[in-house]
Amino acid sequence: MMNISGIIVGAAVFFSIGICHPAVIKMEYHLGKQSWWIWLVAGLAFCSLSLFVNNDIASTIIGGFAFSCLWGIHEMFLQEKRVLRGWFPENPRRHSYYESRRIEMQGKL
């Protein structure tokens, strides 16, 4: 009998990355990188949840999603740099913030 649990977990983690990446972009656009703590809370909550789920596959999938959320913290800071470089659109309501960051980061991007 074949064991398909690896395929299931792999697909679920791939799906979670596919959810988290656009969510990071949207959150940085609307809330700024200061919202990184939301990713931390979500990641820690899913880590905790994975400890209490009895099903191995479900626990592994939840743990994978937890670490996708935790990786979102890193991506949030990188996303701001991408916006400052002009690779992604900036939120016009936060233009003055981006301009001040560009002045601060002059030569560091």
N, C-alpha and C. Protein backbone atom coordinates (compact mmCIF):
# COMPACT_ATOMS: atom_id res chain seq x y z
N MET A 1 0.83 -1.18 0.00
CA MET A 1 0.00 0.00 0.00
C MET A 1 0.88 1.25 0.00
N MET A 2 0.49 2.23 -0.80
CA MET A 2 1.27 3.46 -0.89
C MET A 2 0.91 4.42 0.24
N ASN A 3 1.92 5.18 0.65
CA ASN A 3 1.74 6.18 1.69
C ASN A 3 1.69 7.55 1.01
N ILE A 4 0.54 8.17 1.01
CA ILE A 4 0.40 9.46 0.32
C ILE A 4 0.46 10.65 1.29
N SER A 5 0.77 10.39 2.55
CA SER A 5 0.77 11.48 3.52
C SER A 5 1.80 12.57 3.17
N GLY A 6 2.94 12.19 2.62
CA GLY A 6 3.95 13.18 2.22
C GLY A 6 3.43 14.10 1.13
N ILE A 7 2.70 13.53 0.19
CA ILE A 7 2.12 14.33 -0.90
C ILE A 7 1.07 15.28 -0.33
N ILE A 8 0.26 14.79 0.58
CA ILE A 8 -0.78 15.63 1.19
C ILE A 8 -0.15 16.79 1.96
N VAL A 9 0.85 16.49 2.78
CA VAL A 9 1.52 17.53 3.57
C VAL A 9 2.23 18.52 2.64
N GLY A 10 2.92 18.01 1.64
CA GLY A 10 3.62 18.89 0.69
C GLY A 10 2.67 19.83 -0.02
N ALA A 11 1.54 19.31 -0.47
CA ALA A 11 0.55 20.14 -1.15
C ALA A 11 -0.04 21.19 -0.21
N ALA A 12 -0.30 20.79 1.03
CA ALA A 12 -0.87 21.73 2.01
C ALA A 12 0.11 22.84 2.34
N VAL A 13 1.38 22.52 2.50
CA VAL A 13 2.38 23.54 2.81
C VAL A 13 2.57 24.46 1.60
N PHE A 14 2.58 23.88 0.41
CA PHE A 14 2.66 24.70 -0.81
C PHE A 14 1.47 25.66 -0.87
N PHE A 15 0.29 25.17 -0.53
CA PHE A 15 -0.91 26.00 -0.50
C PHE A 15 -0.78 27.11 0.54
N SER A 16 -0.23 26.78 1.71
CA SER A 16 -0.09 27.80 2.77
C SER A 16 0.89 28.89 2.36
N ILE A 17 1.96 28.53 1.67
CA ILE A 17 2.89 29.53 1.16
C ILE A 17 2.18 30.40 0.13
N GLY A 18 1.35 29.78 -0.70
CA GLY A 18 0.59 30.51 -1.70
C GLY A 18 -0.41 31.48 -1.10
N ILE A 19 -0.87 31.20 0.10
CA ILE A 19 -1.77 32.11 0.81
C ILE A 19 -0.98 33.22 1.50
N CYS A 20 0.11 32.85 2.15
CA CYS A 20 0.86 33.81 2.97
C CYS A 20 1.56 34.88 2.13
N HIS A 21 2.12 34.51 0.99
CA HIS A 21 2.88 35.49 0.21
C HIS A 21 2.01 36.66 -0.25
N PRO A 22 0.86 36.42 -0.88
CA PRO A 22 0.02 37.58 -1.24
C PRO A 22 -0.52 38.32 -0.02
N ALA A 23 -0.73 37.60 1.08
CA ALA A 23 -1.21 38.26 2.29
C ALA A 23 -0.16 39.23 2.84
N VAL A 24 1.10 38.86 2.77
CA VAL A 24 2.18 39.76 3.19
C VAL A 24 2.16 41.03 2.35
N ILE A 25 2.02 40.87 1.05
CA ILE A 25 2.01 42.02 0.14
C ILE A 25 0.85 42.95 0.48
N LYS A 26 -0.34 42.39 0.68
CA LYS A 26 -1.52 43.19 1.01
C LYS A 26 -1.37 43.87 2.37
N MET A 27 -0.86 43.13 3.35
CA MET A 27 -0.72 43.71 4.69
C MET A 27 0.29 44.85 4.69
N GLU A 28 1.41 44.68 3.98
CA GLU A 28 2.39 45.76 3.93
C GLU A 28 1.78 46.97 3.23
N TYR A 29 1.02 46.75 2.18
CA TYR A 29 0.41 47.85 1.44
C TYR A 29 -0.56 48.63 2.33
N HIS A 30 -1.42 47.93 3.05
CA HIS A 30 -2.47 48.59 3.82
C HIS A 30 -2.04 48.99 5.23
N LEU A 31 -1.21 48.17 5.89
CA LEU A 31 -0.89 48.40 7.29
C LEU A 31 0.57 48.77 7.54
N GLY A 32 1.43 48.48 6.58
CA GLY A 32 2.85 48.74 6.77
C GLY A 32 3.55 47.60 7.49
N LYS A 33 4.87 47.70 7.55
CA LYS A 33 5.64 46.61 8.17
C LYS A 33 5.41 46.52 9.67
N GLN A 34 4.80 47.56 10.27
CA GLN A 34 4.52 47.53 11.69
C GLN A 34 3.53 46.43 12.06
N SER A 35 2.90 45.84 11.07
CA SER A 35 1.94 44.75 11.33
C SER A 35 2.62 43.38 11.41
N TRP A 36 3.94 43.35 11.51
CA TRP A 36 4.66 42.08 11.57
C TRP A 36 4.21 41.23 12.75
N TRP A 37 3.79 41.87 13.82
CA TRP A 37 3.40 41.13 15.03
C TRP A 37 2.18 40.24 14.79
N ILE A 38 1.35 40.60 13.80
CA ILE A 38 0.19 39.75 13.47
C ILE A 38 0.68 38.39 12.99
N TRP A 39 1.74 38.40 12.18
CA TRP A 39 2.33 37.14 11.71
C TRP A 39 2.91 36.35 12.87
N LEU A 40 3.51 37.04 13.82
CA LEU A 40 4.07 36.37 15.00
C LEU A 40 2.97 35.69 15.81
N VAL A 41 1.91 36.42 16.09
CA VAL A 41 0.80 35.86 16.88
C VAL A 41 0.19 34.65 16.15
N ALA A 42 -0.04 34.80 14.84
CA ALA A 42 -0.62 33.69 14.07
C ALA A 42 0.32 32.49 14.08
N GLY A 43 1.62 32.72 13.86
CA GLY A 43 2.58 31.63 13.85
C GLY A 43 2.64 30.90 15.17
N LEU A 44 2.68 31.67 16.27
CA LEU A 44 2.73 31.04 17.59
C LEU A 44 1.43 30.30 17.91
N ALA A 45 0.31 30.87 17.48
CA ALA A 45 -0.98 30.20 17.72
C ALA A 45 -1.05 28.87 16.97
N PHE A 46 -0.62 28.87 15.71
CA PHE A 46 -0.65 27.62 14.94
C PHE A 46 0.39 26.62 15.46
N CYS A 47 1.54 27.10 15.94
CA CYS A 47 2.51 26.20 16.57
C CYS A 47 1.89 25.51 17.78
N SER A 48 1.24 26.32 18.61
CA SER A 48 0.59 25.75 19.80
C SER A 48 -0.50 24.76 19.42
N LEU A 49 -1.31 25.14 18.44
CA LEU A 49 -2.39 24.25 18.00
C LEU A 49 -1.84 22.92 17.49
N SER A 50 -0.74 22.97 16.76
CA SER A 50 -0.19 21.73 16.20
C SER A 50 0.25 20.76 17.29
N LEU A 51 0.58 21.29 18.47
CA LEU A 51 0.99 20.43 19.58
C LEU A 51 -0.17 19.62 20.15
N PHE A 52 -1.39 20.10 19.99
CA PHE A 52 -2.54 19.47 20.61
C PHE A 52 -3.42 18.67 19.64
N VAL A 53 -3.06 18.68 18.36
CA VAL A 53 -3.83 17.91 17.38
C VAL A 53 -3.28 16.48 17.37
N ASN A 54 -4.15 15.50 17.54
CA ASN A 54 -3.72 14.10 17.64
C ASN A 54 -3.36 13.47 16.31
N ASN A 55 -3.93 13.94 15.22
CA ASN A 55 -3.65 13.38 13.90
C ASN A 55 -2.31 13.88 13.40
N ASP A 56 -1.41 12.94 13.04
CA ASP A 56 -0.06 13.32 12.61
C ASP A 56 -0.06 14.20 11.36
N ILE A 57 -0.87 13.85 10.38
CA ILE A 57 -0.90 14.62 9.13
C ILE A 57 -1.44 16.02 9.40
N ALA A 58 -2.52 16.12 10.13
CA ALA A 58 -3.10 17.42 10.43
C ALA A 58 -2.14 18.27 11.27
N SER A 59 -1.49 17.66 12.25
CA SER A 59 -0.54 18.38 13.07
C SER A 59 0.63 18.90 12.24
N THR A 60 1.10 18.09 11.31
CA THR A 60 2.20 18.50 10.45
C THR A 60 1.79 19.64 9.53
N ILE A 61 0.60 19.57 8.98
CA ILE A 61 0.09 20.63 8.11
C ILE A 61 -0.06 21.94 8.90
N ILE A 62 -0.60 21.86 10.10
CA ILE A 62 -0.77 23.06 10.93
C ILE A 62 0.60 23.63 11.29
N GLY A 63 1.55 22.77 11.61
CA GLY A 63 2.91 23.22 11.90
C GLY A 63 3.56 23.88 10.70
N GLY A 64 3.33 23.32 9.52
CA GLY A 64 3.85 23.94 8.29
C GLY A 64 3.25 25.31 8.06
N PHE A 65 1.94 25.43 8.32
CA PHE A 65 1.30 26.73 8.18
C PHE A 65 1.84 27.71 9.22
N ALA A 66 2.13 27.22 10.42
CA ALA A 66 2.70 28.06 11.48
C ALA A 66 4.02 28.67 11.03
N PHE A 67 4.87 27.85 10.43
CA PHE A 67 6.17 28.37 10.01
C PHE A 67 6.08 29.22 8.75
N SER A 68 5.05 29.02 7.95
CA SER A 68 4.80 29.95 6.84
C SER A 68 4.43 31.32 7.40
N CYS A 69 3.65 31.34 8.46
CA CYS A 69 3.30 32.61 9.11
C CYS A 69 4.54 33.26 9.72
N LEU A 70 5.36 32.48 10.39
CA LEU A 70 6.57 33.03 10.99
C LEU A 70 7.52 33.56 9.92
N TRP A 71 7.60 32.89 8.79
CA TRP A 71 8.41 33.38 7.69
C TRP A 71 7.84 34.69 7.15
N GLY A 72 6.53 34.88 7.29
CA GLY A 72 5.88 36.11 6.86
C GLY A 72 6.44 37.34 7.57
N ILE A 73 6.96 37.18 8.79
CA ILE A 73 7.59 38.29 9.50
C ILE A 73 8.79 38.79 8.69
N HIS A 74 9.63 37.87 8.29
CA HIS A 74 10.80 38.22 7.48
C HIS A 74 10.38 38.85 6.15
N GLU A 75 9.39 38.25 5.53
CA GLU A 75 8.92 38.75 4.24
C GLU A 75 8.31 40.15 4.36
N MET A 76 7.71 40.46 5.50
CA MET A 76 7.12 41.79 5.70
C MET A 76 8.19 42.87 5.59
N PHE A 77 9.34 42.64 6.21
CA PHE A 77 10.41 43.62 6.15
C PHE A 77 11.03 43.68 4.75
N LEU A 78 11.14 42.53 4.09
CA LEU A 78 11.64 42.53 2.72
C LEU A 78 10.67 43.22 1.77
N GLN A 79 9.38 43.06 2.02
CA GLN A 79 8.38 43.67 1.15
C GLN A 79 8.48 45.19 1.19
N GLU A 80 8.73 45.75 2.36
CA GLU A 80 8.90 47.21 2.41
C GLU A 80 10.09 47.63 1.55
N LYS A 81 11.18 46.88 1.59
CA LYS A 81 12.34 47.21 0.76
C LYS A 81 11.99 47.10 -0.72
N ARG A 82 11.18 46.11 -1.08
CA ARG A 82 10.76 45.98 -2.48
C ARG A 82 9.95 47.18 -2.92
N VAL A 83 9.08 47.67 -2.04
CA VAL A 83 8.27 48.85 -2.34
C VAL A 83 9.19 50.07 -2.48
N LEU A 84 10.14 50.21 -1.57
CA LEU A 84 11.05 51.35 -1.62
C LEU A 84 11.89 51.34 -2.90
N ARG A 85 12.19 50.17 -3.40
CA ARG A 85 12.95 50.05 -4.65
C ARG A 85 12.08 50.28 -5.89
N GLY A 86 10.77 50.31 -5.68
CA GLY A 86 9.86 50.51 -6.80
C GLY A 86 9.42 49.23 -7.48
N TRP A 87 9.70 48.09 -6.87
CA TRP A 87 9.32 46.81 -7.46
C TRP A 87 7.84 46.51 -7.25
N PHE A 88 7.25 47.10 -6.20
CA PHE A 88 5.83 46.94 -5.90
C PHE A 88 5.23 48.32 -5.67
N PRO A 89 3.94 48.48 -5.93
CA PRO A 89 3.34 49.81 -5.73
C PRO A 89 3.25 50.17 -4.25
N GLU A 90 3.41 51.46 -3.99
CA GLU A 90 3.26 51.93 -2.62
C GLU A 90 1.85 52.45 -2.42
N ASN A 91 1.41 52.41 -1.19
CA ASN A 91 0.10 52.94 -0.84
C ASN A 91 0.20 54.46 -0.86
N PRO A 92 -0.57 55.14 -1.72
CA PRO A 92 -0.47 56.60 -1.82
C PRO A 92 -0.75 57.31 -0.49
N ARG A 93 -1.56 56.71 0.37
CA ARG A 93 -1.85 57.32 1.67
C ARG A 93 -0.63 57.29 2.59
N ARG A 94 0.34 56.48 2.26
CA ARG A 94 1.54 56.36 3.09
C ARG A 94 2.78 56.88 2.37
N HIS A 95 2.57 57.73 1.36
CA HIS A 95 3.68 58.23 0.54
C HIS A 95 4.73 58.96 1.37
N SER A 96 4.29 59.78 2.31
CA SER A 96 5.26 60.54 3.11
C SER A 96 6.14 59.60 3.95
N TYR A 97 5.55 58.51 4.42
CA TYR A 97 6.34 57.52 5.17
C TYR A 97 7.42 56.91 4.26
N TYR A 98 7.02 56.51 3.06
CA TYR A 98 7.98 55.91 2.14
C TYR A 98 9.08 56.90 1.75
N GLU A 99 8.71 58.15 1.56
CA GLU A 99 9.72 59.15 1.21
C GLU A 99 10.72 59.33 2.34
N SER A 100 10.24 59.38 3.57
CA SER A 100 11.17 59.52 4.70
C SER A 100 12.07 58.29 4.81
N ARG A 101 11.53 57.11 4.55
CA ARG A 101 12.34 55.88 4.58
C ARG A 101 13.37 55.88 3.46
N ARG A 102 13.01 56.40 2.30
CA ARG A 102 13.97 56.47 1.19
C ARG A 102 15.14 57.38 1.56
N ILE A 103 14.84 58.48 2.23
CA ILE A 103 15.90 59.40 2.64
C ILE A 103 16.80 58.72 3.68
N GLU A 104 16.20 58.05 4.64
CA GLU A 104 16.97 57.32 5.66
C GLU A 104 17.85 56.24 5.05
N MET A 105 17.29 55.55 4.07
CA MET A 105 17.97 54.39 3.50
C MET A 105 18.84 54.75 2.30
N GLN A 106 19.02 56.02 2.02
CA GLN A 106 19.80 56.45 0.86
C GLN A 106 21.12 55.68 0.78
N GLY A 107 21.30 54.98 -0.31
CA GLY A 107 22.52 54.22 -0.53
C GLY A 107 22.51 52.82 0.07
N LYS A 108 21.53 52.49 0.90
CA LYS A 108 21.49 51.17 1.53
C LYS A 108 20.63 50.19 0.76
N LEU A 109 19.82 50.69 -0.17
CA LEU A 109 18.97 49.80 -0.94
C LEU A 109 19.78 49.27 -2.06
